[in-house]
Amino acid sequence: MDNMYEKVLESTRYIKSKIDLMPKIGVVLGSGLGDLVDSIENKEYINYEDIPNFPRSTVKGHNGRLVFGKIKDTYVLAMQGRFHYFEGYTMKEVAYPIYVMKQLGIEKVIITNACGGINTSFKPGTLMIINDFINLVSDNPLIGINDERFGTRFPDMSEPFKLELIDKAKKIADEIGVEYKEGVYAGVMGPYYETAAEIRSIRNQGGDAVGMSTVPETIAANYLGIDVLGISCITNMATGIQKQKHSHENVIEIAQKASIDFFRWIAKVIEAMDEIKR
């Protein structure tokens, strides 16, 4: 993306012209999880199509707007709809909103997704804290000439998901009685559901879950100095593990069924994140 820094500043100026109070916490909502915005109070919306240089959501279950407001006493910015490499966007375009979040003052972000389970201890509806990722796409948002105004040429990725946030999320889940698992998320290109042979390969590489998002945003956030918490909703078991055929409609249905515990958990985590100083 040419002149990316200037484009990000243009997007940021537009958003700031519409919203007075800028939050420090962002949330990226995956397929079927967009209804979290129902729990946000004093909502203000900005459609992606109105923001200069912003991509557009094309996938069912992704509304395509920024939502500003409060969860309890904490101001948040939620992305109701995200972008994927398989939609034809470059990796920089997929991660573009994270660059904008940084310029808006976001310090911590919760990145969520709906994905397939590889670990056989999982089942549809399982919530998984992501403790690491595997990038199985031969591309990422940092490829190209580096702009030092964003970040360093070679960012560290030894803690892509902030351990302090993981520990906080676990503690809260235990306190409120939300069941969860923990594991490694493997990011693939899509948009097809993986073959059984691919799933066997990903399992051998250490993947517990597989999906078509999250990795580019996580890479960009770490590069920009934003702390990340990743949470997956396992909506189906991967090919070769489950017997029935896959469908996006089923992914959304299972995500929505799991959303009660998910939303309850996320709300408490956001409240606790606001108390953690950088």
C-alpha atoms as a PDB file:
ATOM      1  CA  MET A   1       0.000   0.000   0.000  1.00  0.00           C
ATOM      2  CA  ASP A   2       1.715   3.178  -1.227  1.00  0.00           C
ATOM      3  CA  ASN A   3       2.004   6.158   1.150  1.00  0.00           C
ATOM      4  CA  MET A   4       0.529   3.991   3.915  1.00  0.00           C
ATOM      5  CA  TYR A   5       1.522   6.307   6.757  1.00  0.00           C
ATOM      6  CA  GLU A   6      -0.271   9.250   5.142  1.00  0.00           C
ATOM      7  CA  LYS A   7      -3.307   7.082   4.364  1.00  0.00           C
ATOM      8  CA  VAL A   8      -3.497   5.878   7.975  1.00  0.00           C
ATOM      9  CA  LEU A   9      -3.316   9.484   9.190  1.00  0.00           C
ATOM     10  CA  GLU A  10      -6.124  10.446   6.801  1.00  0.00           C
ATOM     11  CA  SER A  11      -8.320   7.618   8.119  1.00  0.00           C
ATOM     12  CA  THR A  12      -7.470   8.608  11.686  1.00  0.00           C
ATOM     13  CA  ARG A  13      -8.313  12.279  11.157  1.00  0.00           C
ATOM     14  CA  TYR A  14     -11.709  11.332   9.737  1.00  0.00           C
ATOM     15  CA  ILE A  15     -12.543   9.079  12.702  1.00  0.00           C
ATOM     16  CA  LYS A  16     -11.423  11.709  15.206  1.00  0.00           C
ATOM     17  CA  SER A  17     -13.650  14.259  13.479  1.00  0.00           C
ATOM     18  CA  LYS A  18     -16.660  12.013  14.236  1.00  0.00           C
ATOM     19  CA  ILE A  19     -15.823  10.665  17.714  1.00  0.00           C
ATOM     20  CA  ASP A  20     -14.860  12.818  20.688  1.00  0.00           C
ATOM     21  CA  LEU A  21     -13.564  10.264  23.191  1.00  0.00           C
ATOM     22  CA  MET A  22     -10.942   7.753  22.030  1.00  0.00           C
ATOM     23  CA  PRO A  23     -10.703   4.401  23.898  1.00  0.00           C
ATOM     24  CA  LYS A  24      -7.491   2.576  24.775  1.00  0.00           C
ATOM     25  CA  ILE A  25      -8.909  -0.921  24.171  1.00  0.00           C
ATOM     26  CA  GLY A  26      -9.890  -2.403  20.817  1.00  0.00           C
ATOM     27  CA  VAL A  27     -11.777  -5.594  19.937  1.00  0.00           C
ATOM     28  CA  VAL A  28     -11.737  -7.402  16.578  1.00  0.00           C
ATOM     29  CA  LEU A  29     -14.845  -9.547  16.218  1.00  0.00           C
ATOM     30  CA  GLY A  30     -14.822 -12.766  14.201  1.00  0.00           C
ATOM     31  CA  SER A  31     -17.569 -14.512  12.223  1.00  0.00           C
ATOM     32  CA  GLY A  32     -20.784 -14.860  14.216  1.00  0.00           C
ATOM     33  CA  LEU A  33     -19.361 -12.902  17.168  1.00  0.00           C
ATOM     34  CA  GLY A  34     -20.414  -9.425  16.063  1.00  0.00           C
ATOM     35  CA  ASP A  35     -23.371  -9.374  18.445  1.00  0.00           C
ATOM     36  CA  LEU A  36     -20.972  -8.414  21.247  1.00  0.00           C
ATOM     37  CA  VAL A  37     -21.799  -4.848  20.253  1.00  0.00           C
ATOM     38  CA  ASP A  38     -25.266  -5.353  21.767  1.00  0.00           C
ATOM     39  CA  SER A  39     -23.604  -5.162  25.187  1.00  0.00           C
ATOM     40  CA  ILE A  40     -21.883  -1.871  24.335  1.00  0.00           C
ATOM     41  CA  GLU A  41     -23.613   1.199  25.757  1.00  0.00           C
ATOM     42  CA  ASN A  42     -23.764   4.733  24.329  1.00  0.00           C
ATOM     43  CA  LYS A  43     -22.858   3.354  20.922  1.00  0.00           C
ATOM     44  CA  GLU A  44     -21.580   5.430  18.036  1.00  0.00           C
ATOM     45  CA  TYR A  45     -21.036   3.861  14.626  1.00  0.00           C
ATOM     46  CA  ILE A  46     -18.802   4.629  11.684  1.00  0.00           C
ATOM     47  CA  ASN A  47     -19.272   2.500   8.559  1.00  0.00           C
ATOM     48  CA  TYR A  48     -16.077   1.280   6.939  1.00  0.00           C
ATOM     49  CA  GLU A  49     -17.230   2.618   3.586  1.00  0.00           C
ATOM     50  CA  ASP A  50     -17.253   6.150   4.998  1.00  0.00           C
ATOM     51  CA  ILE A  51     -13.658   6.042   6.263  1.00  0.00           C
ATOM     52  CA  PRO A  52     -11.044   7.180   3.734  1.00  0.00           C
ATOM     53  CA  ASN A  53      -8.742   4.343   2.591  1.00  0.00           C
ATOM     54  CA  PHE A  54     -10.520   1.698   4.721  1.00  0.00           C
ATOM     55  CA  PRO A  55     -11.195  -1.752   3.189  1.00  0.00           C
ATOM     56  CA  ARG A  56     -14.733  -3.148   2.944  1.00  0.00           C
ATOM     57  CA  SER A  57     -16.097  -6.335   4.529  1.00  0.00           C
ATOM     58  CA  THR A  58     -17.417  -8.846   1.986  1.00  0.00           C
ATOM     59  CA  VAL A  59     -17.991 -11.942   4.155  1.00  0.00           C
ATOM     60  CA  LYS A  60     -21.369 -12.907   5.613  1.00  0.00           C
ATOM     61  CA  GLY A  61     -21.451 -12.318   9.366  1.00  0.00           C
ATOM     62  CA  HIS A  62     -19.195  -9.249   9.160  1.00  0.00           C
ATOM     63  CA  ASN A  63     -21.238  -6.036   9.347  1.00  0.00           C
ATOM     64  CA  GLY A  64     -18.512  -3.640   8.315  1.00  0.00           C
ATOM     65  CA  ARG A  65     -18.407  -0.843  10.872  1.00  0.00           C
ATOM     66  CA  LEU A  66     -16.502   0.541  13.826  1.00  0.00           C
ATOM     67  CA  VAL A  67     -18.454   0.702  17.068  1.00  0.00           C
ATOM     68  CA  PHE A  68     -17.435   3.096  19.850  1.00  0.00           C
ATOM     69  CA  GLY A  69     -18.963   2.991  23.331  1.00  0.00           C
ATOM     70  CA  LYS A  70     -18.749   1.618  26.856  1.00  0.00           C
ATOM     71  CA  ILE A  71     -18.710  -1.871  28.323  1.00  0.00           C
ATOM     72  CA  LYS A  72     -19.412  -1.257  31.988  1.00  0.00           C
ATOM     73  CA  ASP A  73     -17.179   1.739  32.721  1.00  0.00           C
ATOM     74  CA  THR A  74     -14.603   1.059  30.019  1.00  0.00           C
ATOM     75  CA  TYR A  75     -14.562   2.774  26.633  1.00  0.00           C
ATOM     76  CA  VAL A  76     -13.877   0.422  23.729  1.00  0.00           C
ATOM     77  CA  LEU A  77     -13.544   0.407  19.975  1.00  0.00           C
ATOM     78  CA  ALA A  78     -14.976  -2.723  18.343  1.00  0.00           C
ATOM     79  CA  MET A  79     -14.482  -3.827  14.761  1.00  0.00           C
ATOM     80  CA  GLN A  80     -17.783  -5.410  13.739  1.00  0.00           C
ATOM     81  CA  GLY A  81     -16.374  -7.155  10.714  1.00  0.00           C
ATOM     82  CA  ARG A  82     -12.794  -7.817   9.609  1.00  0.00           C
ATOM     83  CA  PHE A  83     -10.875  -8.408   6.397  1.00  0.00           C
ATOM     84  CA  HIS A  84      -9.233 -11.539   5.037  1.00  0.00           C
ATOM     85  CA  TYR A  85      -6.435 -12.299   2.609  1.00  0.00           C
ATOM     86  CA  PHE A  86      -8.766 -14.582   0.643  1.00  0.00           C
ATOM     87  CA  GLU A  87     -11.005 -11.619  -0.159  1.00  0.00           C
ATOM     88  CA  GLY A  88      -8.250 -10.351  -2.452  1.00  0.00           C
ATOM     89  CA  TYR A  89      -6.761  -7.812  -0.060  1.00  0.00           C
ATOM     90  CA  THR A  90      -3.028  -7.516   0.502  1.00  0.00           C
ATOM     91  CA  MET A  91      -1.798  -8.423   3.975  1.00  0.00           C
ATOM     92  CA  LYS A  92      -1.198  -4.735   4.685  1.00  0.00           C
ATOM     93  CA  GLU A  93      -4.833  -4.018   3.791  1.00  0.00           C
ATOM     94  CA  VAL A  94      -6.019  -6.890   5.999  1.00  0.00           C
ATOM     95  CA  ALA A  95      -4.115  -5.386   8.944  1.00  0.00           C
ATOM     96  CA  TYR A  96      -4.853  -1.755   8.009  1.00  0.00           C
ATOM     97  CA  PRO A  97      -7.390  -1.171  10.844  1.00  0.00           C
ATOM     98  CA  ILE A  98      -4.743  -2.140  13.416  1.00  0.00           C
ATOM     99  CA  TYR A  99      -2.485   0.615  12.078  1.00  0.00           C
ATOM    100  CA  VAL A 100      -5.385   3.041  12.431  1.00  0.00           C
ATOM    101  CA  MET A 101      -6.101   1.797  15.965  1.00  0.00           C
ATOM    102  CA  LYS A 102      -2.508   2.598  16.913  1.00  0.00           C
ATOM    103  CA  GLN A 103      -2.865   6.173  15.672  1.00  0.00           C
ATOM    104  CA  LEU A 104      -6.153   6.467  17.574  1.00  0.00           C
ATOM    105  CA  GLY A 105      -4.331   5.596  20.811  1.00  0.00           C
ATOM    106  CA  ILE A 106      -5.333   1.932  21.223  1.00  0.00           C
ATOM    107  CA  GLU A 107      -2.910   0.204  23.622  1.00  0.00           C
ATOM    108  CA  LYS A 108      -4.480  -3.263  23.962  1.00  0.00           C
ATOM    109  CA  VAL A 109      -6.572  -5.304  21.553  1.00  0.00           C
ATOM    110  CA  ILE A 110      -8.612  -8.503  21.875  1.00  0.00           C
ATOM    111  CA  ILE A 111      -8.550 -10.382  18.569  1.00  0.00           C
ATOM    112  CA  THR A 112     -11.261 -13.026  18.205  1.00  0.00           C
ATOM    113  CA  ASN A 113     -12.180 -15.546  15.558  1.00  0.00           C
ATOM    114  CA  ALA A 114     -14.347 -18.506  14.705  1.00  0.00           C
ATOM    115  CA  CYS A 115     -12.194 -21.448  13.678  1.00  0.00           C
ATOM    116  CA  GLY A 116     -11.844 -25.203  13.293  1.00  0.00           C
ATOM    117  CA  GLY A 117     -10.649 -27.484  16.074  1.00  0.00           C
ATOM    118  CA  ILE A 118      -7.707 -29.831  15.528  1.00  0.00           C
ATOM    119  CA  ASN A 119      -7.027 -30.782  19.139  1.00  0.00           C
ATOM    120  CA  THR A 120      -9.390 -33.689  19.767  1.00  0.00           C
ATOM    121  CA  SER A 121     -10.086 -32.542  23.332  1.00  0.00           C
ATOM    122  CA  PHE A 122     -12.024 -29.661  21.764  1.00  0.00           C
ATOM    123  CA  LYS A 123     -15.624 -29.698  20.570  1.00  0.00           C
ATOM    124  CA  PRO A 124     -17.832 -27.193  18.738  1.00  0.00           C
ATOM    125  CA  GLY A 125     -18.507 -24.295  21.080  1.00  0.00           C
ATOM    126  CA  THR A 126     -15.161 -24.549  22.915  1.00  0.00           C
ATOM    127  CA  LEU A 127     -13.530 -21.208  23.709  1.00  0.00           C
ATOM    128  CA  MET A 128      -9.743 -21.226  23.295  1.00  0.00           C
ATOM    129  CA  ILE A 129      -7.184 -18.730  24.554  1.00  0.00           C
ATOM    130  CA  ILE A 130      -4.509 -18.439  21.867  1.00  0.00           C
ATOM    131  CA  ASN A 131      -1.015 -18.750  23.318  1.00  0.00           C
ATOM    132  CA  ASP A 132       0.899 -18.730  20.025  1.00  0.00           C
ATOM    133  CA  PHE A 133       0.371 -18.827  16.272  1.00  0.00           C
ATOM    134  CA  ILE A 134       1.722 -20.525  13.150  1.00  0.00           C
ATOM    135  CA  ASN A 135       1.634 -18.461   9.962  1.00  0.00           C
ATOM    136  CA  LEU A 136       0.948 -20.888   7.106  1.00  0.00           C
ATOM    137  CA  VAL A 137       0.490 -18.136   4.527  1.00  0.00           C
ATOM    138  CA  SER A 138       3.679 -17.208   2.663  1.00  0.00           C
ATOM    139  CA  ASP A 139       2.979 -13.511   3.240  1.00  0.00           C
ATOM    140  CA  ASN A 140       2.539 -11.081   6.118  1.00  0.00           C
ATOM    141  CA  PRO A 141       1.727  -7.378   6.600  1.00  0.00           C
ATOM    142  CA  LEU A 142       5.353  -6.382   7.279  1.00  0.00           C
ATOM    143  CA  ILE A 143       6.742  -7.374   3.874  1.00  0.00           C
ATOM    144  CA  GLY A 144       8.056  -4.426   1.881  1.00  0.00           C
ATOM    145  CA  ILE A 145       9.933  -1.238   2.702  1.00  0.00           C
ATOM    146  CA  ASN A 146       9.708  -0.528   6.430  1.00  0.00           C
ATOM    147  CA  ASP A 147       8.472   2.823   7.735  1.00  0.00           C
ATOM    148  CA  GLU A 148      10.205   3.421  11.068  1.00  0.00           C
ATOM    149  CA  ARG A 149       7.366   5.737  12.076  1.00  0.00           C
ATOM    150  CA  PHE A 150       5.298   2.577  12.531  1.00  0.00           C
ATOM    151  CA  GLY A 151       7.848   0.189  14.011  1.00  0.00           C
ATOM    152  CA  THR A 152      11.193  -1.562  13.787  1.00  0.00           C
ATOM    153  CA  ARG A 153      12.284  -3.535  10.726  1.00  0.00           C
ATOM    154  CA  PHE A 154      12.599  -6.819  12.671  1.00  0.00           C
ATOM    155  CA  PRO A 155       9.980  -6.951  15.460  1.00  0.00           C
ATOM    156  CA  ASP A 156      10.248  -9.559  18.202  1.00  0.00           C
ATOM    157  CA  MET A 157       7.537 -12.211  18.141  1.00  0.00           C
ATOM    158  CA  SER A 158       8.498 -14.254  21.214  1.00  0.00           C
ATOM    159  CA  GLU A 159       5.309 -13.166  23.027  1.00  0.00           C
ATOM    160  CA  PRO A 160       2.732 -12.439  20.304  1.00  0.00           C
ATOM    161  CA  PHE A 161      -0.074 -12.824  22.836  1.00  0.00           C
ATOM    162  CA  LYS A 162       0.680 -10.898  26.030  1.00  0.00           C
ATOM    163  CA  LEU A 163       1.247 -13.335  28.894  1.00  0.00           C
ATOM    164  CA  GLU A 164      -0.104 -10.883  31.452  1.00  0.00           C
ATOM    165  CA  LEU A 165      -3.374 -10.648  29.500  1.00  0.00           C
ATOM    166  CA  ILE A 166      -3.557 -14.432  29.095  1.00  0.00           C
ATOM    167  CA  ASP A 167      -3.132 -14.914  32.840  1.00  0.00           C
ATOM    168  CA  LYS A 168      -5.793 -12.288  33.532  1.00  0.00           C
ATOM    169  CA  ALA A 169      -8.241 -13.922  31.088  1.00  0.00           C
ATOM    170  CA  LYS A 170      -7.699 -17.347  32.679  1.00  0.00           C
ATOM    171  CA  LYS A 171      -8.251 -16.002  36.179  1.00  0.00           C
ATOM    172  CA  ILE A 172     -11.475 -14.255  35.166  1.00  0.00           C
ATOM    173  CA  ALA A 173     -12.799 -17.345  33.352  1.00  0.00           C
ATOM    174  CA  ASP A 174     -12.200 -19.433  36.470  1.00  0.00           C
ATOM    175  CA  GLU A 175     -13.906 -16.836  38.676  1.00  0.00           C
ATOM    176  CA  ILE A 176     -17.069 -16.566  36.569  1.00  0.00           C
ATOM    177  CA  GLY A 177     -17.293 -20.232  35.605  1.00  0.00           C
ATOM    178  CA  VAL A 178     -16.517 -20.018  31.876  1.00  0.00           C
ATOM    179  CA  GLU A 179     -14.856 -23.135  30.487  1.00  0.00           C
ATOM    180  CA  TYR A 180     -11.922 -22.600  28.147  1.00  0.00           C
ATOM    181  CA  LYS A 181      -8.984 -24.358  26.541  1.00  0.00           C
ATOM    182  CA  GLU A 182      -5.595 -23.006  25.537  1.00  0.00           C
ATOM    183  CA  GLY A 183      -3.679 -23.653  22.347  1.00  0.00           C
ATOM    184  CA  VAL A 184      -1.859 -22.691  19.173  1.00  0.00           C
ATOM    185  CA  TYR A 185      -3.745 -21.091  16.286  1.00  0.00           C
ATOM    186  CA  ALA A 186      -2.652 -21.924  12.741  1.00  0.00           C
ATOM    187  CA  GLY A 187      -3.494 -19.283  10.167  1.00  0.00           C
ATOM    188  CA  VAL A 188      -4.161 -20.403   6.586  1.00  0.00           C
ATOM    189  CA  MET A 189      -5.079 -18.548   3.418  1.00  0.00           C
ATOM    190  CA  GLY A 190      -8.518 -20.011   2.659  1.00  0.00           C
ATOM    191  CA  PRO A 191     -11.209 -19.602   1.518  1.00  0.00           C
ATOM    192  CA  TYR A 192     -11.673 -23.365   1.268  1.00  0.00           C
ATOM    193  CA  TYR A 193     -11.904 -25.621   4.316  1.00  0.00           C
ATOM    194  CA  GLU A 194      -8.666 -27.568   4.685  1.00  0.00           C
ATOM    195  CA  THR A 195      -8.141 -31.117   3.435  1.00  0.00           C
ATOM    196  CA  ALA A 196      -7.659 -33.998   5.856  1.00  0.00           C
ATOM    197  CA  ALA A 197      -3.992 -34.246   4.797  1.00  0.00           C
ATOM    198  CA  GLU A 198      -3.465 -30.549   5.509  1.00  0.00           C
ATOM    199  CA  ILE A 199      -5.009 -30.954   8.954  1.00  0.00           C
ATOM    200  CA  ARG A 200      -2.694 -33.871   9.724  1.00  0.00           C
ATOM    201  CA  SER A 201       0.252 -31.694   8.686  1.00  0.00           C
ATOM    202  CA  ILE A 202      -0.906 -28.758  10.835  1.00  0.00           C
ATOM    203  CA  ARG A 203      -1.394 -31.071  13.835  1.00  0.00           C
ATOM    204  CA  ASN A 204       2.162 -32.375  13.359  1.00  0.00           C
ATOM    205  CA  GLN A 205       3.394 -28.773  13.407  1.00  0.00           C
ATOM    206  CA  GLY A 206       1.710 -28.158  16.761  1.00  0.00           C
ATOM    207  CA  GLY A 207      -1.558 -26.499  15.714  1.00  0.00           C
ATOM    208  CA  ASP A 208      -4.576 -26.905  17.986  1.00  0.00           C
ATOM    209  CA  ALA A 209      -6.963 -24.860  15.843  1.00  0.00           C
ATOM    210  CA  VAL A 210      -7.025 -23.542  12.294  1.00  0.00           C
ATOM    211  CA  GLY A 211      -8.572 -20.468  10.718  1.00  0.00           C
ATOM    212  CA  MET A 212      -8.297 -17.816   8.029  1.00  0.00           C
ATOM    213  CA  SER A 213      -7.696 -14.681  10.091  1.00  0.00           C
ATOM    214  CA  THR A 214      -6.071 -13.315  13.267  1.00  0.00           C
ATOM    215  CA  VAL A 215      -2.416 -13.899  12.336  1.00  0.00           C
ATOM    216  CA  PRO A 216      -1.918 -10.767  10.194  1.00  0.00           C
ATOM    217  CA  GLU A 217      -3.614  -8.528  12.768  1.00  0.00           C
ATOM    218  CA  THR A 218      -1.534 -10.072  15.561  1.00  0.00           C
ATOM    219  CA  ILE A 219       1.714  -9.552  13.645  1.00  0.00           C
ATOM    220  CA  ALA A 220       0.814  -5.927  12.927  1.00  0.00           C
ATOM    221  CA  ALA A 221      -0.236  -5.223  16.517  1.00  0.00           C
ATOM    222  CA  ASN A 222       3.058  -6.562  17.895  1.00  0.00           C
ATOM    223  CA  TYR A 223       4.982  -4.554  15.324  1.00  0.00           C
ATOM    224  CA  LEU A 224       3.105  -1.412  16.366  1.00  0.00           C
ATOM    225  CA  GLY A 225       3.538  -2.019  20.094  1.00  0.00           C
ATOM    226  CA  ILE A 226      -0.071  -2.976  20.886  1.00  0.00           C
ATOM    227  CA  ASP A 227      -0.600  -5.747  23.469  1.00  0.00           C
ATOM    228  CA  VAL A 228      -2.725  -8.627  22.144  1.00  0.00           C
ATOM    229  CA  LEU A 229      -5.110 -11.141  23.702  1.00  0.00           C
ATOM    230  CA  GLY A 230      -6.415 -13.767  21.281  1.00  0.00           C
ATOM    231  CA  ILE A 231      -9.568 -15.834  21.816  1.00  0.00           C
ATOM    232  CA  SER A 232     -10.979 -18.399  19.386  1.00  0.00           C
ATOM    233  CA  CYS A 233     -14.422 -19.935  19.260  1.00  0.00           C
ATOM    234  CA  ILE A 234     -14.169 -23.489  17.948  1.00  0.00           C
ATOM    235  CA  THR A 235     -17.181 -23.746  15.642  1.00  0.00           C
ATOM    236  CA  ASN A 236     -16.427 -27.097  14.016  1.00  0.00           C
ATOM    237  CA  MET A 237     -13.883 -29.872  14.163  1.00  0.00           C
ATOM    238  CA  ALA A 238     -11.478 -29.833  11.241  1.00  0.00           C
ATOM    239  CA  THR A 239     -11.638 -32.093   8.180  1.00  0.00           C
ATOM    240  CA  GLY A 240     -10.835 -35.706   8.980  1.00  0.00           C
ATOM    241  CA  ILE A 241     -11.987 -35.256  12.591  1.00  0.00           C
ATOM    242  CA  GLN A 242     -15.657 -34.417  12.090  1.00  0.00           C
ATOM    243  CA  LYS A 243     -17.739 -36.512   9.700  1.00  0.00           C
ATOM    244  CA  GLN A 244     -20.146 -33.964   8.273  1.00  0.00           C
ATOM    245  CA  LYS A 245     -19.379 -31.412   5.559  1.00  0.00           C
ATOM    246  CA  HIS A 246     -18.343 -27.886   6.499  1.00  0.00           C
ATOM    247  CA  SER A 247     -20.433 -24.748   5.885  1.00  0.00           C
ATOM    248  CA  HIS A 248     -20.047 -21.079   6.781  1.00  0.00           C
ATOM    249  CA  GLU A 249     -23.667 -21.021   7.949  1.00  0.00           C
ATOM    250  CA  ASN A 250     -22.878 -23.676  10.542  1.00  0.00           C
ATOM    251  CA  VAL A 251     -19.804 -21.717  11.666  1.00  0.00           C
ATOM    252  CA  ILE A 252     -21.962 -18.661  12.357  1.00  0.00           C
ATOM    253  CA  GLU A 253     -24.661 -20.721  14.087  1.00  0.00           C
ATOM    254  CA  ILE A 254     -22.221 -22.377  16.518  1.00  0.00           C
ATOM    255  CA  ALA A 255     -20.428 -19.085  17.203  1.00  0.00           C
ATOM    256  CA  GLN A 256     -23.726 -17.436  18.086  1.00  0.00           C
ATOM    257  CA  LYS A 257     -24.645 -20.327  20.414  1.00  0.00           C
ATOM    258  CA  ALA A 258     -21.312 -19.957  22.230  1.00  0.00           C
ATOM    259  CA  SER A 259     -21.671 -16.201  22.379  1.00  0.00           C
ATOM    260  CA  ILE A 260     -23.351 -15.982  25.816  1.00  0.00           C
ATOM    261  CA  ASP A 261     -20.279 -17.242  27.685  1.00  0.00           C
ATOM    262  CA  PHE A 262     -17.993 -15.497  25.226  1.00  0.00           C
ATOM    263  CA  PHE A 263     -19.597 -12.082  25.724  1.00  0.00           C
ATOM    264  CA  ARG A 264     -19.765 -12.481  29.502  1.00  0.00           C
ATOM    265  CA  TRP A 265     -16.079 -13.379  29.584  1.00  0.00           C
ATOM    266  CA  ILE A 266     -14.955 -10.642  27.178  1.00  0.00           C
ATOM    267  CA  ALA A 267     -16.812  -7.953  29.123  1.00  0.00           C
ATOM    268  CA  LYS A 268     -15.037  -8.912  32.349  1.00  0.00           C
ATOM    269  CA  VAL A 269     -11.675  -9.145  30.579  1.00  0.00           C
ATOM    270  CA  ILE A 270     -12.099  -5.688  29.062  1.00  0.00           C
ATOM    271  CA  GLU A 271     -12.907  -4.266  32.457  1.00  0.00           C
ATOM    272  CA  ALA A 272      -9.746  -5.859  33.904  1.00  0.00           C
ATOM    273  CA  MET A 273      -7.589  -4.779  30.948  1.00  0.00           C
ATOM    274  CA  ASP A 274      -8.488  -1.181  31.627  1.00  0.00           C
ATOM    275  CA  GLU A 275      -6.904  -1.560  35.065  1.00  0.00           C
ATOM    276  CA  ILE A 276      -3.591  -2.877  33.704  1.00  0.00           C
ATOM    277  CA  LYS A 277      -1.142  -0.056  33.165  1.00  0.00           C
ATOM    278  CA  ARG A 278       1.368  -0.225  30.338  1.00  0.00           C
END
